[in-house]
N, C-alpha and C. Protein backbone atom coordinates (compact mmCIF):
# COMPACT_ATOMS: atom_id res chain seq x y z
N UNK A 1 -1.74 -13.43 4.40
CA UNK A 1 -2.35 -14.73 4.47
C UNK A 1 -1.29 -15.83 4.59
N UNK A 2 -1.71 -16.95 5.01
CA UNK A 2 -0.81 -18.07 5.23
C UNK A 2 -0.15 -18.59 3.94
N UNK A 3 -0.93 -18.61 2.87
CA UNK A 3 -0.38 -19.07 1.60
C UNK A 3 0.73 -18.15 1.11
N UNK A 4 0.55 -16.86 1.29
CA UNK A 4 1.60 -15.90 0.89
C UNK A 4 2.87 -16.10 1.71
N UNK A 5 2.71 -16.66 2.91
CA UNK A 5 3.87 -16.87 3.79
C UNK A 5 4.46 -18.28 3.57
N UNK A 6 3.89 -19.04 2.61
CA UNK A 6 4.49 -20.35 2.27
C UNK A 6 3.70 -21.56 2.66
N UNK A 7 2.56 -21.40 3.32
CA UNK A 7 1.73 -22.55 3.67
C UNK A 7 1.03 -23.09 2.42
N UNK A 8 0.82 -24.37 2.41
CA UNK A 8 0.11 -24.97 1.28
C UNK A 8 -1.40 -24.77 1.42
N UNK A 9 -2.15 -24.79 0.32
CA UNK A 9 -3.59 -24.71 0.45
C UNK A 9 -4.17 -25.78 1.35
N UNK A 10 -3.61 -26.97 1.38
CA UNK A 10 -4.10 -28.02 2.26
C UNK A 10 -3.91 -27.66 3.73
N UNK A 11 -2.76 -27.08 4.08
CA UNK A 11 -2.50 -26.65 5.45
C UNK A 11 -3.48 -25.57 5.87
N UNK A 12 -3.74 -24.62 4.99
CA UNK A 12 -4.67 -23.54 5.30
C UNK A 12 -6.07 -24.09 5.40
N UNK A 13 -6.46 -25.01 4.54
CA UNK A 13 -7.76 -25.64 4.58
C UNK A 13 -7.99 -26.26 5.95
N UNK A 14 -7.05 -26.99 6.45
CA UNK A 14 -7.17 -27.66 7.75
C UNK A 14 -7.30 -26.61 8.85
N UNK A 15 -6.49 -25.56 8.81
CA UNK A 15 -6.47 -24.53 9.83
C UNK A 15 -7.84 -23.79 9.89
N UNK A 16 -8.41 -23.55 8.71
CA UNK A 16 -9.67 -22.81 8.64
C UNK A 16 -10.92 -23.71 8.78
N UNK A 17 -10.70 -25.02 8.74
CA UNK A 17 -11.82 -25.95 8.91
C UNK A 17 -12.65 -26.15 7.69
N UNK A 18 -12.09 -25.83 6.52
CA UNK A 18 -12.82 -26.08 5.25
C UNK A 18 -12.78 -27.55 4.96
N UNK A 19 -13.83 -28.03 4.30
CA UNK A 19 -13.94 -29.45 3.95
C UNK A 19 -12.90 -29.88 2.91
N UNK A 20 -12.56 -28.97 2.00
CA UNK A 20 -11.61 -29.26 0.91
C UNK A 20 -10.74 -28.05 0.64
N UNK A 21 -9.51 -28.27 0.15
CA UNK A 21 -8.66 -27.12 -0.23
C UNK A 21 -9.30 -26.25 -1.30
N UNK A 22 -10.11 -26.87 -2.18
CA UNK A 22 -10.74 -26.08 -3.25
C UNK A 22 -11.66 -25.00 -2.67
N UNK A 23 -12.27 -25.26 -1.53
CA UNK A 23 -13.12 -24.24 -0.92
C UNK A 23 -12.25 -23.05 -0.48
N UNK A 24 -11.14 -23.38 0.17
CA UNK A 24 -10.21 -22.31 0.63
C UNK A 24 -9.76 -21.46 -0.60
N UNK A 25 -9.36 -22.14 -1.67
CA UNK A 25 -8.92 -21.42 -2.85
C UNK A 25 -10.04 -20.58 -3.49
N UNK A 26 -11.21 -21.16 -3.55
CA UNK A 26 -12.36 -20.41 -4.17
C UNK A 26 -12.71 -19.18 -3.33
N UNK A 27 -12.60 -19.26 -2.02
CA UNK A 27 -12.97 -18.12 -1.15
C UNK A 27 -11.90 -17.04 -1.17
N UNK A 28 -10.63 -17.44 -1.21
CA UNK A 28 -9.56 -16.45 -1.01
C UNK A 28 -8.73 -16.12 -2.25
N UNK A 29 -9.05 -16.67 -3.41
CA UNK A 29 -8.27 -16.43 -4.61
C UNK A 29 -8.14 -14.93 -4.93
N UNK A 30 -9.18 -14.15 -4.67
CA UNK A 30 -9.16 -12.73 -4.96
C UNK A 30 -8.01 -11.99 -4.26
N UNK A 31 -7.51 -12.56 -3.17
CA UNK A 31 -6.43 -11.91 -2.43
C UNK A 31 -5.14 -11.95 -3.19
N UNK A 32 -4.99 -12.85 -4.18
CA UNK A 32 -3.76 -12.97 -4.89
C UNK A 32 -3.79 -12.33 -6.26
N UNK A 33 -4.90 -11.71 -6.62
CA UNK A 33 -4.99 -11.07 -7.95
C UNK A 33 -3.95 -9.97 -8.11
N UNK A 34 -3.58 -9.33 -7.01
CA UNK A 34 -2.57 -8.24 -7.08
C UNK A 34 -1.18 -8.81 -7.35
N UNK A 35 -1.01 -10.10 -7.23
CA UNK A 35 0.29 -10.75 -7.45
C UNK A 35 0.48 -11.17 -8.90
N UNK A 36 -0.40 -10.80 -9.79
CA UNK A 36 -0.32 -11.24 -11.21
C UNK A 36 1.01 -10.83 -11.84
N UNK A 37 1.51 -9.62 -11.57
CA UNK A 37 2.80 -9.20 -12.14
C UNK A 37 3.94 -10.08 -11.64
N UNK A 38 3.89 -10.37 -10.35
CA UNK A 38 4.95 -11.22 -9.77
C UNK A 38 4.90 -12.63 -10.39
N UNK A 39 3.67 -13.13 -10.60
CA UNK A 39 3.50 -14.43 -11.17
C UNK A 39 4.02 -14.45 -12.61
N UNK A 40 3.73 -13.43 -13.37
CA UNK A 40 4.24 -13.33 -14.76
C UNK A 40 5.75 -13.28 -14.77
N UNK A 41 6.35 -12.54 -13.86
CA UNK A 41 7.81 -12.49 -13.76
C UNK A 41 8.39 -13.85 -13.40
N UNK A 42 7.72 -14.57 -12.52
CA UNK A 42 8.20 -15.91 -12.14
C UNK A 42 8.17 -16.86 -13.35
N UNK A 43 7.06 -16.76 -14.13
CA UNK A 43 6.92 -17.61 -15.32
C UNK A 43 7.99 -17.30 -16.33
N UNK A 44 8.22 -16.03 -16.56
CA UNK A 44 9.27 -15.62 -17.51
C UNK A 44 10.64 -16.10 -17.07
N UNK A 45 10.94 -15.97 -15.80
CA UNK A 45 12.20 -16.46 -15.29
C UNK A 45 12.33 -17.95 -15.40
N UNK A 46 11.28 -18.69 -15.12
CA UNK A 46 11.32 -20.12 -15.25
C UNK A 46 11.56 -20.55 -16.70
N UNK A 47 10.89 -19.87 -17.63
CA UNK A 47 11.05 -20.21 -19.04
C UNK A 47 12.44 -19.86 -19.54
N UNK A 48 13.02 -18.81 -19.01
CA UNK A 48 14.38 -18.41 -19.41
C UNK A 48 15.42 -19.42 -18.89
N UNK A 49 15.09 -20.13 -17.83
CA UNK A 49 16.03 -21.10 -17.26
C UNK A 49 16.00 -22.45 -18.01
N UNK A 50 15.02 -22.64 -18.90
CA UNK A 50 14.95 -23.92 -19.64
C UNK A 50 16.00 -23.88 -20.74
N UNK A 51 16.84 -24.94 -20.79
CA UNK A 51 17.88 -24.95 -21.85
C UNK A 51 17.35 -25.06 -23.24
């Protein structure tokens, strides 16, 4: 998907013709559920970087 490649939800919304970015996110959020481990790792890394 475009968001996985770095596009913003707003950019994808325009490309798909959705009225609002929230529609895009509501429709396609299930595609990122497999990324939960990666997201948790990113959060842990970000918190470890805080002084």
